[in-house]
């Protein structure tokens, strides 16, 4: 028998309908919040990427890829760039561990100070930081001047114009990425695990390498992958701090656009570099697992 609702009563609303309405409103709210970010990604990433892809096969045609891949200069620059990116990635991961460990084990005040130092690095232009290293490392810079004045070396060291300066400059720019990914991973590792290992007789260093270090590897892999992909496309730092006669992929692409007036070939080289980064990402994901790299393959606790 149907329920009768008197004028002074209000019809009951099913709980499922209430929850459905709440979920719908919540979904619309998050959709509106995400809309500016989606528009920015489409306008600043998807559209330029599509234009590069289109130009690589239409200016003048698909033969741009044959010209790019058969160029000895591009082949050498690609190999040199990959080597540089691998070395910088390894250095960033190794030197980021101490900072990330201190962050993960610091109190709130010290953590804020360390995070502020990282944020300050992001707020400073990479061009400004590269020029700062150029001033520090040249023959009349602070480092060489101090070493000569103190009698440590008889003449200035050739610190600039080689791989050493490139590695230093790129590490200073890219290390915050590996530090933050390592910190995010290590923050989820319970301190009790390492303490339990020490209770069982392991020394502090041994406990770290046997317990904490293996659990932090997904963060190291994520940070290393991020740094490697970014380092592949570096242009300013190798040009300003490295050997002017050494050609990297970034400088090769710029030469095709500006000096050689071959924008189609330059676009094809950009696509090749993008595909290389994608292949490396998929290859690592095939053997390691994308979920584990991104830290979504399971909880540490």
C-alpha atoms as a PDB file:
ATOM      1  CA  UNK A   1       0.000   0.000   0.000  1.00  0.00           C
ATOM      2  CA  UNK A   2       1.448   3.391  -0.999  1.00  0.00           C
ATOM      3  CA  UNK A   3       2.440   5.760   1.776  1.00  0.00           C
ATOM      4  CA  UNK A   4       0.302   8.895   2.125  1.00  0.00           C
ATOM      5  CA  UNK A   5       2.096  12.200   2.616  1.00  0.00           C
ATOM      6  CA  UNK A   6       0.088  14.757   4.575  1.00  0.00           C
ATOM      7  CA  UNK A   7       0.491  18.502   3.864  1.00  0.00           C
ATOM      8  CA  UNK A   8       2.705  18.961   6.911  1.00  0.00           C
ATOM      9  CA  UNK A   9       5.114  16.200   5.919  1.00  0.00           C
ATOM     10  CA  UNK A  10       7.963  16.067   3.402  1.00  0.00           C
ATOM     11  CA  UNK A  11       8.462  13.106   1.111  1.00  0.00           C
ATOM     12  CA  UNK A  12      11.540  11.066   2.009  1.00  0.00           C
ATOM     13  CA  UNK A  13      14.364  11.209  -0.542  1.00  0.00           C
ATOM     14  CA  UNK A  14      16.148   7.896  -1.142  1.00  0.00           C
ATOM     15  CA  UNK A  15      19.713   7.784   0.188  1.00  0.00           C
ATOM     16  CA  UNK A  16      21.013   6.504  -3.157  1.00  0.00           C
ATOM     17  CA  UNK A  17      19.544   9.521  -4.936  1.00  0.00           C
ATOM     18  CA  UNK A  18      21.145  11.872  -2.412  1.00  0.00           C
ATOM     19  CA  UNK A  19      24.534  10.237  -2.820  1.00  0.00           C
ATOM     20  CA  UNK A  20      24.190  10.259  -6.594  1.00  0.00           C
ATOM     21  CA  UNK A  21      23.393  13.961  -6.563  1.00  0.00           C
ATOM     22  CA  UNK A  22      26.322  14.688  -4.255  1.00  0.00           C
ATOM     23  CA  UNK A  23      28.679  12.687  -6.466  1.00  0.00           C
ATOM     24  CA  UNK A  24      27.412  14.485  -9.565  1.00  0.00           C
ATOM     25  CA  UNK A  25      27.966  17.909  -7.994  1.00  0.00           C
ATOM     26  CA  UNK A  26      31.400  16.883  -6.748  1.00  0.00           C
ATOM     27  CA  UNK A  27      32.348  15.585 -10.198  1.00  0.00           C
ATOM     28  CA  UNK A  28      31.238  18.844 -11.802  1.00  0.00           C
ATOM     29  CA  UNK A  29      33.203  20.843  -9.239  1.00  0.00           C
ATOM     30  CA  UNK A  30      36.441  18.970  -9.938  1.00  0.00           C
ATOM     31  CA  UNK A  31      35.799  19.182 -13.685  1.00  0.00           C
ATOM     32  CA  UNK A  32      35.506  22.972 -13.462  1.00  0.00           C
ATOM     33  CA  UNK A  33      38.630  23.201 -11.305  1.00  0.00           C
ATOM     34  CA  UNK A  34      40.620  21.050 -13.749  1.00  0.00           C
ATOM     35  CA  UNK A  35      39.421  22.891 -16.863  1.00  0.00           C
ATOM     36  CA  UNK A  36      42.073  25.691 -16.818  1.00  0.00           C
ATOM     37  CA  UNK A  37      44.848  23.129 -16.439  1.00  0.00           C
ATOM     38  CA  UNK A  38      43.467  21.031 -19.294  1.00  0.00           C
ATOM     39  CA  UNK A  39      43.233  24.102 -21.529  1.00  0.00           C
ATOM     40  CA  UNK A  40      46.815  25.082 -20.659  1.00  0.00           C
ATOM     41  CA  UNK A  41      48.115  21.577 -21.426  1.00  0.00           C
ATOM     42  CA  UNK A  42      46.299  21.488 -24.765  1.00  0.00           C
ATOM     43  CA  UNK A  43      47.399  25.000 -25.762  1.00  0.00           C
ATOM     44  CA  UNK A  44      51.000  24.816 -24.548  1.00  0.00           C
ATOM     45  CA  UNK A  45      51.838  21.148 -25.139  1.00  0.00           C
ATOM     46  CA  UNK A  46      49.419  19.241 -27.372  1.00  0.00           C
ATOM     47  CA  UNK A  47      49.031  21.925 -30.060  1.00  0.00           C
ATOM     48  CA  UNK A  48      52.789  22.716 -30.388  1.00  0.00           C
ATOM     49  CA  UNK A  49      53.571  18.996 -30.432  1.00  0.00           C
ATOM     50  CA  UNK A  50      51.027  18.427 -33.186  1.00  0.00           C
ATOM     51  CA  UNK A  51      52.518  21.317 -35.184  1.00  0.00           C
ATOM     52  CA  UNK A  52      56.012  19.815 -34.890  1.00  0.00           C
ATOM     53  CA  UNK A  53      54.728  16.398 -35.967  1.00  0.00           C
ATOM     54  CA  UNK A  54      52.871  17.944 -38.892  1.00  0.00           C
ATOM     55  CA  UNK A  55      55.873  19.963 -40.023  1.00  0.00           C
ATOM     56  CA  UNK A  56      58.177  16.958 -39.848  1.00  0.00           C
ATOM     57  CA  UNK A  57      56.155  15.173 -42.551  1.00  0.00           C
ATOM     58  CA  UNK A  58      54.996  18.134 -44.677  1.00  0.00           C
ATOM     59  CA  UNK A  59      57.993  20.507 -44.934  1.00  0.00           C
ATOM     60  CA  UNK A  60      58.769  19.317 -47.569  1.00  0.00           C
ATOM     61  CA  UNK A  61      57.760  15.698 -46.814  1.00  0.00           C
ATOM     62  CA  UNK A  62      58.434  12.453 -44.920  1.00  0.00           C
ATOM     63  CA  UNK A  63      61.956  12.367 -46.374  1.00  0.00           C
ATOM     64  CA  UNK A  64      62.892  14.693 -43.508  1.00  0.00           C
ATOM     65  CA  UNK A  65      63.304  11.623 -41.296  1.00  0.00           C
ATOM     66  CA  UNK A  66      65.665   9.990 -43.788  1.00  0.00           C
ATOM     67  CA  UNK A  67      67.720  13.185 -43.920  1.00  0.00           C
ATOM     68  CA  UNK A  68      67.791  13.435 -40.124  1.00  0.00           C
ATOM     69  CA  UNK A  69      68.699   9.817 -39.423  1.00  0.00           C
ATOM     70  CA  UNK A  70      71.336   9.651 -42.161  1.00  0.00           C
ATOM     71  CA  UNK A  71      73.125  12.789 -40.982  1.00  0.00           C
ATOM     72  CA  UNK A  72      76.487  11.916 -39.337  1.00  0.00           C
ATOM     73  CA  UNK A  73      76.281  15.119 -37.302  1.00  0.00           C
ATOM     74  CA  UNK A  74      72.886  14.192 -35.874  1.00  0.00           C
ATOM     75  CA  UNK A  75      73.953  10.610 -35.192  1.00  0.00           C
ATOM     76  CA  UNK A  76      77.001  11.790 -33.251  1.00  0.00           C
ATOM     77  CA  UNK A  77      75.016  14.474 -31.423  1.00  0.00           C
ATOM     78  CA  UNK A  78      72.359  11.927 -30.436  1.00  0.00           C
ATOM     79  CA  UNK A  79      74.933   9.544 -28.977  1.00  0.00           C
ATOM     80  CA  UNK A  80      76.737  12.393 -27.184  1.00  0.00           C
ATOM     81  CA  UNK A  81      73.457  13.660 -25.746  1.00  0.00           C
ATOM     82  CA  UNK A  82      72.426  10.221 -24.478  1.00  0.00           C
ATOM     83  CA  UNK A  83      75.817   9.763 -22.798  1.00  0.00           C
ATOM     84  CA  UNK A  84      75.556  13.184 -21.170  1.00  0.00           C
ATOM     85  CA  UNK A  85      72.014  12.493 -19.957  1.00  0.00           C
ATOM     86  CA  UNK A  86      72.998   9.117 -18.481  1.00  0.00           C
ATOM     87  CA  UNK A  87      75.952  10.564 -16.558  1.00  0.00           C
ATOM     88  CA  UNK A  88      73.929  13.518 -15.265  1.00  0.00           C
ATOM     89  CA  UNK A  89      71.097  11.192 -14.212  1.00  0.00           C
ATOM     90  CA  UNK A  90      73.442   8.921 -12.269  1.00  0.00           C
ATOM     91  CA  UNK A  91      75.125  11.877 -10.544  1.00  0.00           C
ATOM     92  CA  UNK A  92      71.793  13.474  -9.640  1.00  0.00           C
ATOM     93  CA  UNK A  93      70.432  10.277  -8.091  1.00  0.00           C
ATOM     94  CA  UNK A  94      73.603   9.595  -6.080  1.00  0.00           C
ATOM     95  CA  UNK A  95      74.023  13.132  -4.746  1.00  0.00           C
ATOM     96  CA  UNK A  96      70.300  13.559  -4.036  1.00  0.00           C
ATOM     97  CA  UNK A  97      70.156  10.707  -1.524  1.00  0.00           C
ATOM     98  CA  UNK A  98      71.798  12.550   1.422  1.00  0.00           C
ATOM     99  CA  UNK A  99      69.528  15.575   1.038  1.00  0.00           C
ATOM    100  CA  UNK A 100      66.412  13.412   0.699  1.00  0.00           C
ATOM    101  CA  UNK A 101      67.380  11.337   3.755  1.00  0.00           C
ATOM    102  CA  UNK A 102      67.826  14.458   5.879  1.00  0.00           C
ATOM    103  CA  UNK A 103      64.466  15.786   4.661  1.00  0.00           C
ATOM    104  CA  UNK A 104      62.676  12.523   5.457  1.00  0.00           C
ATOM    105  CA  UNK A 105      64.107  12.425   8.989  1.00  0.00           C
ATOM    106  CA  UNK A 106      63.834  16.130   9.863  1.00  0.00           C
ATOM    107  CA  UNK A 107      61.349  17.881  12.088  1.00  0.00           C
ATOM    108  CA  UNK A 108      58.766  20.347  10.754  1.00  0.00           C
ATOM    109  CA  UNK A 109      60.987  23.439  11.055  1.00  0.00           C
ATOM    110  CA  UNK A 110      64.055  21.917   9.425  1.00  0.00           C
ATOM    111  CA  UNK A 111      61.879  20.356   6.735  1.00  0.00           C
ATOM    112  CA  UNK A 112      60.437  23.750   5.842  1.00  0.00           C
ATOM    113  CA  UNK A 113      63.945  25.216   5.577  1.00  0.00           C
ATOM    114  CA  UNK A 114      65.111  22.413   3.285  1.00  0.00           C
ATOM    115  CA  UNK A 115      61.979  22.687   1.139  1.00  0.00           C
ATOM    116  CA  UNK A 116      62.451  26.456   0.900  1.00  0.00           C
ATOM    117  CA  UNK A 117      65.971  25.916  -0.427  1.00  0.00           C
ATOM    118  CA  UNK A 118      64.581  23.617  -3.128  1.00  0.00           C
ATOM    119  CA  UNK A 119      61.811  26.049  -4.026  1.00  0.00           C
ATOM    120  CA  UNK A 120      64.358  28.855  -4.333  1.00  0.00           C
ATOM    121  CA  UNK A 121      66.153  26.777  -6.957  1.00  0.00           C
ATOM    122  CA  UNK A 122      62.903  26.482  -8.937  1.00  0.00           C
ATOM    123  CA  UNK A 123      62.279  30.209  -8.688  1.00  0.00           C
ATOM    124  CA  UNK A 124      65.635  31.057 -10.291  1.00  0.00           C
ATOM    125  CA  UNK A 125      65.947  30.919 -14.068  1.00  0.00           C
ATOM    126  CA  UNK A 126      68.138  28.135 -15.449  1.00  0.00           C
ATOM    127  CA  UNK A 127      69.772  30.695 -17.744  1.00  0.00           C
ATOM    128  CA  UNK A 128      70.771  32.852 -14.775  1.00  0.00           C
ATOM    129  CA  UNK A 129      72.152  29.851 -12.886  1.00  0.00           C
ATOM    130  CA  UNK A 130      74.105  28.695 -15.938  1.00  0.00           C
ATOM    131  CA  UNK A 131      75.697  32.119 -16.335  1.00  0.00           C
ATOM    132  CA  UNK A 132      76.521  32.089 -12.627  1.00  0.00           C
ATOM    133  CA  UNK A 133      78.435  28.817 -13.073  1.00  0.00           C
ATOM    134  CA  UNK A 134      80.182  30.274 -16.102  1.00  0.00           C
ATOM    135  CA  UNK A 135      81.402  33.171 -13.967  1.00  0.00           C
ATOM    136  CA  UNK A 136      82.478  30.847 -11.144  1.00  0.00           C
ATOM    137  CA  UNK A 137      84.327  28.327 -13.313  1.00  0.00           C
ATOM    138  CA  UNK A 138      86.157  30.477 -15.860  1.00  0.00           C
ATOM    139  CA  UNK A 139      89.867  31.240 -15.603  1.00  0.00           C
ATOM    140  CA  UNK A 140      89.285  34.512 -13.747  1.00  0.00           C
ATOM    141  CA  UNK A 141      86.446  33.159 -11.617  1.00  0.00           C
ATOM    142  CA  UNK A 142      86.341  32.843  -7.859  1.00  0.00           C
ATOM    143  CA  UNK A 143      87.431  29.185  -7.783  1.00  0.00           C
ATOM    144  CA  UNK A 144      90.509  29.508  -9.987  1.00  0.00           C
ATOM    145  CA  UNK A 145      91.477  32.858  -8.477  1.00  0.00           C
ATOM    146  CA  UNK A 146      91.317  31.475  -4.927  1.00  0.00           C
ATOM    147  CA  UNK A 147      93.297  28.328  -5.812  1.00  0.00           C
ATOM    148  CA  UNK A 148      96.017  30.349  -7.556  1.00  0.00           C
ATOM    149  CA  UNK A 149      96.233  32.936  -4.753  1.00  0.00           C
ATOM    150  CA  UNK A 150      96.520  30.197  -2.120  1.00  0.00           C
ATOM    151  CA  UNK A 151      99.286  28.501  -4.067  1.00  0.00           C
ATOM    152  CA  UNK A 152      97.315  25.287  -4.597  1.00  0.00           C
ATOM    153  CA  UNK A 153      97.777  25.431  -8.384  1.00  0.00           C
ATOM    154  CA  UNK A 154     100.338  27.392 -10.449  1.00  0.00           C
ATOM    155  CA  UNK A 155      97.855  28.416 -13.153  1.00  0.00           C
ATOM    156  CA  UNK A 156      94.062  28.366 -13.617  1.00  0.00           C
ATOM    157  CA  UNK A 157      92.430  25.009 -14.274  1.00  0.00           C
ATOM    158  CA  UNK A 158      90.373  24.541 -17.476  1.00  0.00           C
ATOM    159  CA  UNK A 159      87.132  24.024 -15.567  1.00  0.00           C
ATOM    160  CA  UNK A 160      84.905  25.405 -18.300  1.00  0.00           C
ATOM    161  CA  UNK A 161      84.553  24.248 -21.874  1.00  0.00           C
ATOM    162  CA  UNK A 162      84.243  20.528 -21.106  1.00  0.00           C
ATOM    163  CA  UNK A 163      82.023  17.868 -19.613  1.00  0.00           C
ATOM    164  CA  UNK A 164      82.866  18.806 -16.013  1.00  0.00           C
ATOM    165  CA  UNK A 165      81.201  22.210 -16.290  1.00  0.00           C
ATOM    166  CA  UNK A 166      78.208  20.730 -18.122  1.00  0.00           C
ATOM    167  CA  UNK A 167      77.664  18.089 -15.434  1.00  0.00           C
ATOM    168  CA  UNK A 168      77.933  20.635 -12.619  1.00  0.00           C
ATOM    169  CA  UNK A 169      75.547  23.071 -14.288  1.00  0.00           C
ATOM    170  CA  UNK A 170      72.953  20.454 -15.192  1.00  0.00           C
ATOM    171  CA  UNK A 171      73.115  18.754 -11.793  1.00  0.00           C
ATOM    172  CA  UNK A 172      72.418  22.041 -10.047  1.00  0.00           C
ATOM    173  CA  UNK A 173      69.316  22.522 -12.199  1.00  0.00           C
ATOM    174  CA  UNK A 174      67.990  18.947 -12.192  1.00  0.00           C
ATOM    175  CA  UNK A 175      68.790  17.664  -8.692  1.00  0.00           C
ATOM    176  CA  UNK A 176      65.633  19.176  -7.102  1.00  0.00           C
ATOM    177  CA  UNK A 177      63.542  16.768  -9.195  1.00  0.00           C
ATOM    178  CA  UNK A 178      65.326  13.677  -7.888  1.00  0.00           C
ATOM    179  CA  UNK A 179      65.405  15.040  -4.347  1.00  0.00           C
ATOM    180  CA  UNK A 180      61.642  15.570  -4.272  1.00  0.00           C
ATOM    181  CA  UNK A 181      60.822  12.158  -5.754  1.00  0.00           C
ATOM    182  CA  UNK A 182      63.212  10.429  -3.363  1.00  0.00           C
ATOM    183  CA  UNK A 183      61.794  12.343  -0.407  1.00  0.00           C
ATOM    184  CA  UNK A 184      58.227  11.429  -1.381  1.00  0.00           C
ATOM    185  CA  UNK A 185      59.209   7.758  -1.484  1.00  0.00           C
ATOM    186  CA  UNK A 186      61.316   7.744   1.699  1.00  0.00           C
ATOM    187  CA  UNK A 187      58.680   9.590   3.689  1.00  0.00           C
ATOM    188  CA  UNK A 188      56.452   6.517   3.346  1.00  0.00           C
ATOM    189  CA  UNK A 189      59.107   4.124   4.706  1.00  0.00           C
ATOM    190  CA  UNK A 190      58.501   3.489   8.434  1.00  0.00           C
ATOM    191  CA  UNK A 191      61.477   4.279  10.668  1.00  0.00           C
ATOM    192  CA  UNK A 192      60.639   1.173  12.685  1.00  0.00           C
ATOM    193  CA  UNK A 193      61.962  -1.074   9.912  1.00  0.00           C
ATOM    194  CA  UNK A 194      65.484   0.285  10.148  1.00  0.00           C
ATOM    195  CA  UNK A 195      65.327   0.349  13.946  1.00  0.00           C
ATOM    196  CA  UNK A 196      64.208  -3.289  13.941  1.00  0.00           C
ATOM    197  CA  UNK A 197      67.159  -4.227  11.748  1.00  0.00           C
ATOM    198  CA  UNK A 198      69.531  -2.491  14.169  1.00  0.00           C
ATOM    199  CA  UNK A 199      67.855  -4.290  17.069  1.00  0.00           C
ATOM    200  CA  UNK A 200      68.615  -7.576  15.318  1.00  0.00           C
ATOM    201  CA  UNK A 201      72.310  -6.665  15.241  1.00  0.00           C
ATOM    202  CA  UNK A 202      72.725  -4.761  11.973  1.00  0.00           C
ATOM    203  CA  UNK A 203      74.893  -1.661  12.008  1.00  0.00           C
ATOM    204  CA  UNK A 204      73.227   1.648  11.030  1.00  0.00           C
ATOM    205  CA  UNK A 205      74.864   1.785   7.593  1.00  0.00           C
ATOM    206  CA  UNK A 206      74.105  -1.868   6.916  1.00  0.00           C
ATOM    207  CA  UNK A 207      70.511  -1.412   8.076  1.00  0.00           C
ATOM    208  CA  UNK A 208      70.077   1.489   5.672  1.00  0.00           C
ATOM    209  CA  UNK A 209      71.414  -0.377   2.639  1.00  0.00           C
ATOM    210  CA  UNK A 210      69.546  -3.594   3.478  1.00  0.00           C
ATOM    211  CA  UNK A 211      66.191  -2.067   4.451  1.00  0.00           C
ATOM    212  CA  UNK A 212      65.684   1.587   3.515  1.00  0.00           C
ATOM    213  CA  UNK A 213      67.681   1.701   0.290  1.00  0.00           C
ATOM    214  CA  UNK A 214      65.779  -1.107  -1.516  1.00  0.00           C
ATOM    215  CA  UNK A 215      62.444   0.437  -0.526  1.00  0.00           C
ATOM    216  CA  UNK A 216      63.561   3.833  -1.872  1.00  0.00           C
ATOM    217  CA  UNK A 217      64.503   2.524  -5.323  1.00  0.00           C
ATOM    218  CA  UNK A 218      61.097   3.287  -6.922  1.00  0.00           C
ATOM    219  CA  UNK A 219      61.611   6.952  -6.012  1.00  0.00           C
ATOM    220  CA  UNK A 220      65.141   6.863  -7.393  1.00  0.00           C
ATOM    221  CA  UNK A 221      63.856   5.283 -10.615  1.00  0.00           C
ATOM    222  CA  UNK A 222      61.098   7.883 -10.995  1.00  0.00           C
ATOM    223  CA  UNK A 223      63.464  10.780 -10.324  1.00  0.00           C
ATOM    224  CA  UNK A 224      66.160   9.345 -12.563  1.00  0.00           C
ATOM    225  CA  UNK A 225      63.711   8.806 -15.411  1.00  0.00           C
ATOM    226  CA  UNK A 226      62.401  12.363 -15.074  1.00  0.00           C
ATOM    227  CA  UNK A 227      65.911  13.830 -15.043  1.00  0.00           C
ATOM    228  CA  UNK A 228      67.031  11.708 -17.995  1.00  0.00           C
ATOM    229  CA  UNK A 229      64.115  12.812 -20.179  1.00  0.00           C
ATOM    230  CA  UNK A 230      64.663  16.479 -19.295  1.00  0.00           C
ATOM    231  CA  UNK A 231      68.428  16.208 -19.827  1.00  0.00           C
ATOM    232  CA  UNK A 232      67.924  14.838 -23.343  1.00  0.00           C
ATOM    233  CA  UNK A 233      66.480  18.172 -24.425  1.00  0.00           C
ATOM    234  CA  UNK A 234      68.913  20.500 -22.635  1.00  0.00           C
ATOM    235  CA  UNK A 235      70.265  23.280 -24.834  1.00  0.00           C
ATOM    236  CA  UNK A 236      71.384  26.325 -22.838  1.00  0.00           C
ATOM    237  CA  UNK A 237      73.726  24.690 -20.332  1.00  0.00           C
ATOM    238  CA  UNK A 238      75.787  22.577 -22.788  1.00  0.00           C
ATOM    239  CA  UNK A 239      76.080  25.559 -25.120  1.00  0.00           C
ATOM    240  CA  UNK A 240      77.302  27.995 -22.470  1.00  0.00           C
ATOM    241  CA  UNK A 241      79.444  25.699 -20.331  1.00  0.00           C
ATOM    242  CA  UNK A 242      80.594  23.048 -22.801  1.00  0.00           C
ATOM    243  CA  UNK A 243      82.873  22.912 -25.806  1.00  0.00           C
ATOM    244  CA  UNK A 244      81.492  25.191 -28.565  1.00  0.00           C
ATOM    245  CA  UNK A 245      82.620  22.665 -31.180  1.00  0.00           C
ATOM    246  CA  UNK A 246      80.651  19.831 -29.567  1.00  0.00           C
ATOM    247  CA  UNK A 247      77.194  19.363 -31.089  1.00  0.00           C
ATOM    248  CA  UNK A 248      74.291  18.114 -28.983  1.00  0.00           C
ATOM    249  CA  UNK A 249      70.787  17.277 -30.154  1.00  0.00           C
ATOM    250  CA  UNK A 250      69.422  20.617 -29.009  1.00  0.00           C
ATOM    251  CA  UNK A 251      72.056  22.589 -30.892  1.00  0.00           C
ATOM    252  CA  UNK A 252      71.603  20.365 -33.970  1.00  0.00           C
ATOM    253  CA  UNK A 253      67.875  21.129 -34.022  1.00  0.00           C
ATOM    254  CA  UNK A 254      68.515  24.858 -33.629  1.00  0.00           C
ATOM    255  CA  UNK A 255      71.060  24.791 -36.468  1.00  0.00           C
ATOM    256  CA  UNK A 256      68.518  23.218 -38.810  1.00  0.00           C
ATOM    257  CA  UNK A 257      65.914  25.844 -37.963  1.00  0.00           C
ATOM    258  CA  UNK A 258      68.181  28.920 -37.952  1.00  0.00           C
ATOM    259  CA  UNK A 259      71.440  28.386 -39.843  1.00  0.00           C
ATOM    260  CA  UNK A 260      70.585  25.672 -42.388  1.00  0.00           C
ATOM    261  CA  UNK A 261      66.987  26.851 -42.948  1.00  0.00           C
ATOM    262  CA  UNK A 262      65.689  23.270 -42.864  1.00  0.00           C
ATOM    263  CA  UNK A 263      62.806  23.468 -40.371  1.00  0.00           C
ATOM    264  CA  UNK A 264      61.356  20.178 -41.588  1.00  0.00           C
ATOM    265  CA  UNK A 265      64.578  18.318 -40.795  1.00  0.00           C
ATOM    266  CA  UNK A 266      64.779  20.072 -37.434  1.00  0.00           C
ATOM    267  CA  UNK A 267      61.201  19.029 -36.663  1.00  0.00           C
ATOM    268  CA  UNK A 268      62.036  15.446 -37.675  1.00  0.00           C
ATOM    269  CA  UNK A 269      65.024  15.467 -35.304  1.00  0.00           C
ATOM    270  CA  UNK A 270      62.723  16.701 -32.530  1.00  0.00           C
ATOM    271  CA  UNK A 271      60.320  13.829 -33.216  1.00  0.00           C
ATOM    272  CA  UNK A 272      63.199  11.331 -33.165  1.00  0.00           C
ATOM    273  CA  UNK A 273      64.303  12.676 -29.779  1.00  0.00           C
ATOM    274  CA  UNK A 274      60.737  12.445 -28.470  1.00  0.00           C
ATOM    275  CA  UNK A 275      60.394   8.865 -29.712  1.00  0.00           C
ATOM    276  CA  UNK A 276      63.719   7.954 -28.098  1.00  0.00           C
ATOM    277  CA  UNK A 277      62.510   9.240 -24.730  1.00  0.00           C
ATOM    278  CA  UNK A 278      59.225   7.354 -25.167  1.00  0.00           C
ATOM    279  CA  UNK A 279      61.008   4.105 -26.070  1.00  0.00           C
ATOM    280  CA  UNK A 280      63.235   4.414 -23.002  1.00  0.00           C
ATOM    281  CA  UNK A 281      60.187   5.038 -20.803  1.00  0.00           C
ATOM    282  CA  UNK A 282      58.364   2.011 -22.202  1.00  0.00           C
ATOM    283  CA  UNK A 283      61.504  -0.121 -21.954  1.00  0.00           C
ATOM    284  CA  UNK A 284      61.996   0.695 -18.295  1.00  0.00           C
ATOM    285  CA  UNK A 285      58.303   0.119 -17.696  1.00  0.00           C
ATOM    286  CA  UNK A 286      58.550  -3.273 -19.397  1.00  0.00           C
ATOM    287  CA  UNK A 287      61.278  -4.565 -17.078  1.00  0.00           C
ATOM    288  CA  UNK A 288      60.624  -2.571 -13.900  1.00  0.00           C
ATOM    289  CA  UNK A 289      56.976  -1.627 -14.112  1.00  0.00           C
ATOM    290  CA  UNK A 290      55.535   1.834 -14.620  1.00  0.00           C
ATOM    291  CA  UNK A 291      53.451   1.498 -11.459  1.00  0.00           C
ATOM    292  CA  UNK A 292      56.514   0.758  -9.358  1.00  0.00           C
ATOM    293  CA  UNK A 293      58.440   3.669 -10.914  1.00  0.00           C
ATOM    294  CA  UNK A 294      55.590   6.091 -10.284  1.00  0.00           C
ATOM    295  CA  UNK A 295      55.034   4.748  -6.784  1.00  0.00           C
ATOM    296  CA  UNK A 296      51.516   3.460  -7.421  1.00  0.00           C
ATOM    297  CA  UNK A 297      52.304  -0.217  -7.546  1.00  0.00           C
ATOM    298  CA  UNK A 298      51.614  -0.737  -3.873  1.00  0.00           C
ATOM    299  CA  UNK A 299      52.157   0.850  -0.504  1.00  0.00           C
ATOM    300  CA  UNK A 300      55.398   0.653   1.396  1.00  0.00           C
ATOM    301  CA  UNK A 301      53.724   0.166   4.723  1.00  0.00           C
END
